[in-house]
Amino acid sequence: MSDKQLTVDGRSWGVEDAQAAEVNRAVQQAMTDGVVVALPVLKEDGSPVTLYLNGKLATTAVFDNGAGGRPTEIPG
């Protein structure tokens, strides 16, 4: 999966580098304006799909741009 990820209500999707800014803007629009947006994302196996995000119904959306280590990747 891509190092950039979008997590919506606990389910994670990969995001291609070339589409990261577009996806981030669309998620912000959906959550702020309560609209439905179509997002180009990747399934776990790397195949592309379109995710329809309803900003009125989603409770959380987290965009991880892949910068920095995740807690499970930090050496102890």
PDB file of N, CA and C in Angstrom:
ATOM      1  N   MET A   1       0.847  -1.179   0.000  1.00  0.00           N
ATOM      2  CA  MET A   1       0.000   0.000   0.000  1.00  0.00           C
ATOM      3  C   MET A   1       0.892   1.240   0.000  1.00  0.00           C
ATOM      4  N   SER A   2       0.371   2.320  -0.514  1.00  0.00           N
ATOM      5  CA  SER A   2       1.078   3.593  -0.582  1.00  0.00           C
ATOM      6  C   SER A   2       1.455   4.070   0.818  1.00  0.00           C
ATOM      7  N   ASP A   3       2.501   4.912   0.902  1.00  0.00           N
ATOM      8  CA  ASP A   3       2.848   5.458   2.221  1.00  0.00           C
ATOM      9  C   ASP A   3       1.902   6.590   2.623  1.00  0.00           C
ATOM     10  N   LYS A   4       1.109   7.094   1.679  1.00  0.00           N
ATOM     11  CA  LYS A   4       0.068   8.076   1.996  1.00  0.00           C
ATOM     12  C   LYS A   4      -1.242   7.321   2.159  1.00  0.00           C
ATOM     13  N   GLN A   5      -1.972   7.637   3.227  1.00  0.00           N
ATOM     14  CA  GLN A   5      -3.199   6.900   3.503  1.00  0.00           C
ATOM     15  C   GLN A   5      -4.328   7.826   3.919  1.00  0.00           C
ATOM     16  N   LEU A   6      -5.520   7.404   3.571  1.00  0.00           N
ATOM     17  CA  LEU A   6      -6.734   8.065   4.011  1.00  0.00           C
ATOM     18  C   LEU A   6      -7.500   7.055   4.847  1.00  0.00           C
ATOM     19  N   THR A   7      -7.859   7.431   6.065  1.00  0.00           N
ATOM     20  CA  THR A   7      -8.655   6.570   6.931  1.00  0.00           C
ATOM     21  C   THR A   7      -9.988   7.256   7.182  1.00  0.00           C
ATOM     22  N   VAL A   8     -11.064   6.563   6.809  1.00  0.00           N
ATOM     23  CA  VAL A   8     -12.419   7.086   6.993  1.00  0.00           C
ATOM     24  C   VAL A   8     -13.168   6.125   7.896  1.00  0.00           C
ATOM     25  N   ASP A   9     -13.592   6.621   9.049  1.00  0.00           N
ATOM     26  CA  ASP A   9     -14.343   5.810  10.010  1.00  0.00           C
ATOM     27  C   ASP A   9     -13.689   4.448  10.256  1.00  0.00           C
ATOM     28  N   GLY A  10     -12.360   4.447  10.397  1.00  0.00           N
ATOM     29  CA  GLY A  10     -11.630   3.243  10.761  1.00  0.00           C
ATOM     30  C   GLY A  10     -11.154   2.380   9.609  1.00  0.00           C
ATOM     31  N   ARG A  11     -11.525   2.680   8.393  1.00  0.00           N
ATOM     32  CA  ARG A  11     -11.092   1.895   7.228  1.00  0.00           C
ATOM     33  C   ARG A  11     -10.050   2.688   6.458  1.00  0.00           C
ATOM     34  N   SER A  12      -8.901   2.066   6.149  1.00  0.00           N
ATOM     35  CA  SER A  12      -7.798   2.777   5.498  1.00  0.00           C
ATOM     36  C   SER A  12      -7.686   2.445   4.019  1.00  0.00           C
ATOM     37  N   TRP A  13      -7.284   3.461   3.271  1.00  0.00           N
ATOM     38  CA  TRP A  13      -7.087   3.362   1.827  1.00  0.00           C
ATOM     39  C   TRP A  13      -5.762   4.016   1.478  1.00  0.00           C
ATOM     40  N   GLY A  14      -5.063   3.492   0.491  1.00  0.00           N
ATOM     41  CA  GLY A  14      -3.845   4.128   0.003  1.00  0.00           C
ATOM     42  C   GLY A  14      -4.191   5.292  -0.907  1.00  0.00           C
ATOM     43  N   VAL A  15      -3.261   6.242  -1.008  1.00  0.00           N
ATOM     44  CA  VAL A  15      -3.439   7.396  -1.889  1.00  0.00           C
ATOM     45  C   VAL A  15      -2.147   7.573  -2.677  1.00  0.00           C
ATOM     46  N   GLU A  16      -2.266   7.634  -4.007  1.00  0.00           N
ATOM     47  CA  GLU A  16      -1.086   7.845  -4.847  1.00  0.00           C
ATOM     48  C   GLU A  16      -0.530   9.249  -4.624  1.00  0.00           C
ATOM     49  N   ASP A  17       0.801   9.368  -4.701  1.00  0.00           N
ATOM     50  CA  ASP A  17       1.456  10.657  -4.486  1.00  0.00           C
ATOM     51  C   ASP A  17       0.876  11.744  -5.383  1.00  0.00           C
ATOM     52  N   ALA A  18       0.662  11.419  -6.659  1.00  0.00           N
ATOM     53  CA  ALA A  18       0.190  12.408  -7.627  1.00  0.00           C
ATOM     54  C   ALA A  18      -1.220  12.912  -7.315  1.00  0.00           C
ATOM     55  N   GLN A  19      -1.982  12.168  -6.524  1.00  0.00           N
ATOM     56  CA  GLN A  19      -3.360  12.547  -6.223  1.00  0.00           C
ATOM     57  C   GLN A  19      -3.563  12.982  -4.774  1.00  0.00           C
ATOM     58  N   ALA A  20      -2.491  13.040  -4.010  1.00  0.00           N
ATOM     59  CA  ALA A  20      -2.601  13.327  -2.580  1.00  0.00           C
ATOM     60  C   ALA A  20      -3.220  14.693  -2.298  1.00  0.00           C
ATOM     61  N   ALA A  21      -2.771  15.734  -2.982  1.00  0.00           N
ATOM     62  CA  ALA A  21      -3.306  17.079  -2.729  1.00  0.00           C
ATOM     63  C   ALA A  21      -4.785  17.148  -3.099  1.00  0.00           C
ATOM     64  N   GLU A  22      -5.149  16.534  -4.225  1.00  0.00           N
ATOM     65  CA  GLU A  22      -6.553  16.513  -4.662  1.00  0.00           C
ATOM     66  C   GLU A  22      -7.432  15.800  -3.641  1.00  0.00           C
ATOM     67  N   VAL A  23      -6.977  14.652  -3.151  1.00  0.00           N
ATOM     68  CA  VAL A  23      -7.743  13.882  -2.167  1.00  0.00           C
ATOM     69  C   VAL A  23      -7.881  14.675  -0.870  1.00  0.00           C
ATOM     70  N   ASN A  24      -6.799  15.279  -0.419  1.00  0.00           N
ATOM     71  CA  ASN A  24      -6.836  16.062   0.816  1.00  0.00           C
ATOM     72  C   ASN A  24      -7.841  17.210   0.714  1.00  0.00           C
ATOM     73  N   ARG A  25      -7.811  17.950  -0.396  1.00  0.00           N
ATOM     74  CA  ARG A  25      -8.758  19.063  -0.596  1.00  0.00           C
ATOM     75  C   ARG A  25     -10.200  18.569  -0.629  1.00  0.00           C
ATOM     76  N   ALA A  26     -10.434  17.456  -1.331  1.00  0.00           N
ATOM     77  CA  ALA A  26     -11.796  16.933  -1.454  1.00  0.00           C
ATOM     78  C   ALA A  26     -12.333  16.458  -0.106  1.00  0.00           C
ATOM     79  N   VAL A  27     -11.485  15.829   0.701  1.00  0.00           N
ATOM     80  CA  VAL A  27     -11.907  15.383   2.033  1.00  0.00           C
ATOM     81  C   VAL A  27     -12.270  16.593   2.895  1.00  0.00           C
ATOM     82  N   GLN A  28     -11.440  17.622   2.856  1.00  0.00           N
ATOM     83  CA  GLN A  28     -11.739  18.837   3.621  1.00  0.00           C
ATOM     84  C   GLN A  28     -13.070  19.438   3.185  1.00  0.00           C
ATOM     85  N   GLN A  29     -13.320  19.472   1.879  1.00  0.00           N
ATOM     86  CA  GLN A  29     -14.581  20.013   1.371  1.00  0.00           C
ATOM     87  C   GLN A  29     -15.764  19.187   1.862  1.00  0.00           C
ATOM     88  N   ALA A  30     -15.649  17.864   1.773  1.00  0.00           N
ATOM     89  CA  ALA A  30     -16.747  16.987   2.196  1.00  0.00           C
ATOM     90  C   ALA A  30     -17.067  17.175   3.670  1.00  0.00           C
ATOM     91  N   MET A  31     -16.044  17.210   4.504  1.00  0.00           N
ATOM     92  CA  MET A  31     -16.262  17.302   5.939  1.00  0.00           C
ATOM     93  C   MET A  31     -16.738  18.699   6.357  1.00  0.00           C
ATOM     94  N   THR A  32     -16.275  19.734   5.683  1.00  0.00           N
ATOM     95  CA  THR A  32     -16.665  21.104   6.015  1.00  0.00           C
ATOM     96  C   THR A  32     -18.060  21.447   5.502  1.00  0.00           C
ATOM     97  N   ASP A  33     -18.336  21.057   4.247  1.00  0.00           N
ATOM     98  CA  ASP A  33     -19.593  21.442   3.599  1.00  0.00           C
ATOM     99  C   ASP A  33     -20.683  20.377   3.678  1.00  0.00           C
ATOM    100  N   GLY A  34     -20.340  19.187   4.178  1.00  0.00           N
ATOM    101  CA  GLY A  34     -21.328  18.116   4.274  1.00  0.00           C
ATOM    102  C   GLY A  34     -21.809  17.618   2.929  1.00  0.00           C
ATOM    103  N   VAL A  35     -20.875  17.492   1.984  1.00  0.00           N
ATOM    104  CA  VAL A  35     -21.223  17.038   0.639  1.00  0.00           C
ATOM    105  C   VAL A  35     -20.581  15.681   0.353  1.00  0.00           C
ATOM    106  N   VAL A  36     -20.992  15.076  -0.754  1.00  0.00           N
ATOM    107  CA  VAL A  36     -20.407  13.812  -1.200  1.00  0.00           C
ATOM    108  C   VAL A  36     -19.323  14.121  -2.227  1.00  0.00           C
ATOM    109  N   VAL A  37     -18.152  13.502  -2.064  1.00  0.00           N
ATOM    110  CA  VAL A  37     -17.055  13.664  -3.018  1.00  0.00           C
ATOM    111  C   VAL A  37     -16.568  12.289  -3.457  1.00  0.00           C
ATOM    112  N   ALA A  38     -16.042  12.224  -4.675  1.00  0.00           N
ATOM    113  CA  ALA A  38     -15.457  10.994  -5.211  1.00  0.00           C
ATOM    114  C   ALA A  38     -13.943  11.084  -5.055  1.00  0.00           C
ATOM    115  N   LEU A  39     -13.353  10.071  -4.429  1.00  0.00           N
ATOM    116  CA  LEU A  39     -11.926  10.083  -4.133  1.00  0.00           C
ATOM    117  C   LEU A  39     -11.222   8.918  -4.821  1.00  0.00           C
ATOM    118  N   PRO A  40     -10.158   9.187  -5.593  1.00  0.00           N
ATOM    119  CA  PRO A  40      -9.373   8.110  -6.186  1.00  0.00           C
ATOM    120  C   PRO A  40      -8.421   7.539  -5.132  1.00  0.00           C
ATOM    121  N   VAL A  41      -8.665   6.308  -4.702  1.00  0.00           N
ATOM    122  CA  VAL A  41      -7.849   5.679  -3.662  1.00  0.00           C
ATOM    123  C   VAL A  41      -7.413   4.292  -4.120  1.00  0.00           C
ATOM    124  N   LEU A  42      -6.597   3.643  -3.292  1.00  0.00           N
ATOM    125  CA  LEU A  42      -6.077   2.315  -3.600  1.00  0.00           C
ATOM    126  C   LEU A  42      -6.526   1.310  -2.552  1.00  0.00           C
ATOM    127  N   LYS A  43      -6.927   0.130  -3.022  1.00  0.00           N
ATOM    128  CA  LYS A  43      -7.232  -0.959  -2.096  1.00  0.00           C
ATOM    129  C   LYS A  43      -5.927  -1.494  -1.525  1.00  0.00           C
ATOM    130  N   GLU A  44      -6.038  -2.381  -0.559  1.00  0.00           N
ATOM    131  CA  GLU A  44      -4.860  -2.937   0.105  1.00  0.00           C
ATOM    132  C   GLU A  44      -3.893  -3.599  -0.872  1.00  0.00           C
ATOM    133  N   ASP A  45      -4.429  -4.195  -1.945  1.00  0.00           N
ATOM    134  CA  ASP A  45      -3.572  -4.854  -2.935  1.00  0.00           C
ATOM    135  C   ASP A  45      -3.004  -3.880  -3.967  1.00  0.00           C
ATOM    136  N   GLY A  46      -3.302  -2.575  -3.811  1.00  0.00           N
ATOM    137  CA  GLY A  46      -2.774  -1.558  -4.711  1.00  0.00           C
ATOM    138  C   GLY A  46      -3.647  -1.240  -5.908  1.00  0.00           C
ATOM    139  N   SER A  47      -4.755  -1.943  -6.053  1.00  0.00           N
ATOM    140  CA  SER A  47      -5.627  -1.672  -7.197  1.00  0.00           C
ATOM    141  C   SER A  47      -6.472  -0.422  -6.930  1.00  0.00           C
ATOM    142  N   PRO A  48      -6.677   0.384  -7.981  1.00  0.00           N
ATOM    143  CA  PRO A  48      -7.411   1.640  -7.810  1.00  0.00           C
ATOM    144  C   PRO A  48      -8.921   1.435  -7.718  1.00  0.00           C
ATOM    145  N   VAL A  49      -9.551   2.222  -6.861  1.00  0.00           N
ATOM    146  CA  VAL A  49     -11.009   2.251  -6.725  1.00  0.00           C
ATOM    147  C   VAL A  49     -11.423   3.696  -6.461  1.00  0.00           C
ATOM    148  N   THR A  50     -12.705   3.957  -6.595  1.00  0.00           N
ATOM    149  CA  THR A  50     -13.243   5.270  -6.254  1.00  0.00           C
ATOM    150  C   THR A  50     -14.033   5.138  -4.964  1.00  0.00           C
ATOM    151  N   LEU A  51     -13.666   5.927  -3.980  1.00  0.00           N
ATOM    152  CA  LEU A  51     -14.357   5.962  -2.694  1.00  0.00           C
ATOM    153  C   LEU A  51     -15.261   7.186  -2.678  1.00  0.00           C
ATOM    154  N   TYR A  52     -16.537   6.983  -2.387  1.00  0.00           N
ATOM    155  CA  TYR A  52     -17.475   8.093  -2.270  1.00  0.00           C
ATOM    156  C   TYR A  52     -17.618   8.434  -0.793  1.00  0.00           C
ATOM    157  N   LEU A  53     -17.161   9.618  -0.422  1.00  0.00           N
ATOM    158  CA  LEU A  53     -17.184  10.060   0.970  1.00  0.00           C
ATOM    159  C   LEU A  53     -18.342  11.026   1.168  1.00  0.00           C
ATOM    160  N   ASN A  54     -19.253  10.673   2.065  1.00  0.00           N
ATOM    161  CA  ASN A  54     -20.379  11.536   2.407  1.00  0.00           C
ATOM    162  C   ASN A  54     -20.000  12.303   3.668  1.00  0.00           C
ATOM    163  N   GLY A  55     -19.719  13.579   3.509  1.00  0.00           N
ATOM    164  CA  GLY A  55     -19.283  14.411   4.625  1.00  0.00           C
ATOM    165  C   GLY A  55     -20.322  14.590   5.715  1.00  0.00           C
ATOM    166  N   LYS A  56     -21.600  14.351   5.407  1.00  0.00           N
ATOM    167  CA  LYS A  56     -22.647  14.443   6.431  1.00  0.00           C
ATOM    168  C   LYS A  56     -22.667  13.216   7.327  1.00  0.00           C
ATOM    169  N   LEU A  57     -22.239  12.072   6.798  1.00  0.00           N
ATOM    170  CA  LEU A  57     -22.341  10.820   7.547  1.00  0.00           C
ATOM    171  C   LEU A  57     -21.031  10.353   8.169  1.00  0.00           C
ATOM    172  N   ALA A  58     -19.910  10.688   7.572  1.00  0.00           N
ATOM    173  CA  ALA A  58     -18.620  10.245   8.109  1.00  0.00           C
ATOM    174  C   ALA A  58     -18.354  10.946   9.439  1.00  0.00           C
ATOM    175  N   THR A  59     -17.890  10.176  10.424  1.00  0.00           N
ATOM    176  CA  THR A  59     -17.586  10.789  11.720  1.00  0.00           C
ATOM    177  C   THR A  59     -16.134  11.240  11.811  1.00  0.00           C
ATOM    178  N   THR A  60     -15.225  10.506  11.152  1.00  0.00           N
ATOM    179  CA  THR A  60     -13.819  10.908  11.143  1.00  0.00           C
ATOM    180  C   THR A  60     -13.202  10.619   9.781  1.00  0.00           C
ATOM    181  N   ALA A  61     -12.271  11.474   9.405  1.00  0.00           N
ATOM    182  CA  ALA A  61     -11.467  11.268   8.202  1.00  0.00           C
ATOM    183  C   ALA A  61     -10.069  11.778   8.521  1.00  0.00           C
ATOM    184  N   VAL A  62      -9.075  10.914   8.355  1.00  0.00           N
ATOM    185  CA  VAL A  62      -7.694  11.265   8.670  1.00  0.00           C
ATOM    186  C   VAL A  62      -6.853  11.055   7.423  1.00  0.00           C
ATOM    187  N   PHE A  63      -6.134  12.099   7.002  1.00  0.00           N
ATOM    188  CA  PHE A  63      -5.222  11.984   5.868  1.00  0.00           C
ATOM    189  C   PHE A  63      -3.805  11.951   6.410  1.00  0.00           C
ATOM    190  N   ASP A  64      -3.098  10.859   6.152  1.00  0.00           N
ATOM    191  CA  ASP A  64      -1.712  10.684   6.596  1.00  0.00           C
ATOM    192  C   ASP A  64      -0.825  10.849   5.373  1.00  0.00           C
ATOM    193  N   ASN A  65      -0.029  11.919   5.333  1.00  0.00           N
ATOM    194  CA  ASN A  65       0.807  12.164   4.156  1.00  0.00           C
ATOM    195  C   ASN A  65       2.110  11.373   4.163  1.00  0.00           C
ATOM    196  N   GLY A  66       2.282  10.493   5.122  1.00  0.00           N
ATOM    197  CA  GLY A  66       3.447   9.618   5.147  1.00  0.00           C
ATOM    198  C   GLY A  66       4.712  10.262   5.687  1.00  0.00           C
ATOM    199  N   ALA A  67       4.632  11.478   6.172  1.00  0.00           N
ATOM    200  CA  ALA A  67       5.810  12.153   6.710  1.00  0.00           C
ATOM    201  C   ALA A  67       6.070  11.673   8.132  1.00  0.00           C
ATOM    202  N   GLY A  68       7.302  11.322   8.412  1.00  0.00           N
ATOM    203  CA  GLY A  68       7.655  10.903   9.766  1.00  0.00           C
ATOM    204  C   GLY A  68       7.250   9.478  10.055  1.00  0.00           C
ATOM    205  N   GLY A  69       7.786   8.935  11.123  1.00  0.00           N
ATOM    206  CA  GLY A  69       7.493   7.563  11.508  1.00  0.00           C
ATOM    207  C   GLY A  69       6.184   7.451  12.257  1.00  0.00           C
ATOM    208  N   ARG A  70       5.597   6.310  12.137  1.00  0.00           N
ATOM    209  CA  ARG A  70       4.394   6.015  12.906  1.00  0.00           C
ATOM    210  C   ARG A  70       4.847   5.403  14.231  1.00  0.00           C
ATOM    211  N   PRO A  71       4.012   5.459  15.267  1.00  0.00           N
ATOM    212  CA  PRO A  71       4.440   4.941  16.570  1.00  0.00           C
ATOM    213  C   PRO A  71       4.973   3.515  16.518  1.00  0.00           C
ATOM    214  N   THR A  72       4.425   2.677  15.642  1.00  0.00           N
ATOM    215  CA  THR A  72       4.900   1.292  15.563  1.00  0.00           C
ATOM    216  C   THR A  72       6.211   1.186  14.805  1.00  0.00           C
ATOM    217  N   GLU A  73       6.670   2.279  14.168  1.00  0.00           N
ATOM    218  CA  GLU A  73       7.906   2.258  13.396  1.00  0.00           C
ATOM    219  C   GLU A  73       9.060   2.948  14.115  1.00  0.00           C
ATOM    220  N   ILE A  74       8.794   3.516  15.282  1.00  0.00           N
ATOM    221  CA  ILE A  74       9.834   4.225  16.017  1.00  0.00           C
ATOM    222  C   ILE A  74      10.637   3.206  16.823  1.00  0.00           C
ATOM    223  N   PRO A  75      11.959   3.159  16.588  1.00  0.00           N
ATOM    224  CA  PRO A  75      12.764   2.185  17.320  1.00  0.00           C
ATOM    225  C   PRO A  75      12.744   2.465  18.816  1.00  0.00           C
ATOM    226  N   GLY A  76      12.679   1.396  19.598  1.00  0.00           N
ATOM    227  CA  GLY A  76      12.578   1.554  21.042  1.00  0.00           C
ATOM    228  C   GLY A  76      13.880   1.412  21.672  1.00  0.00           C
TER     229      GLY A  76
END
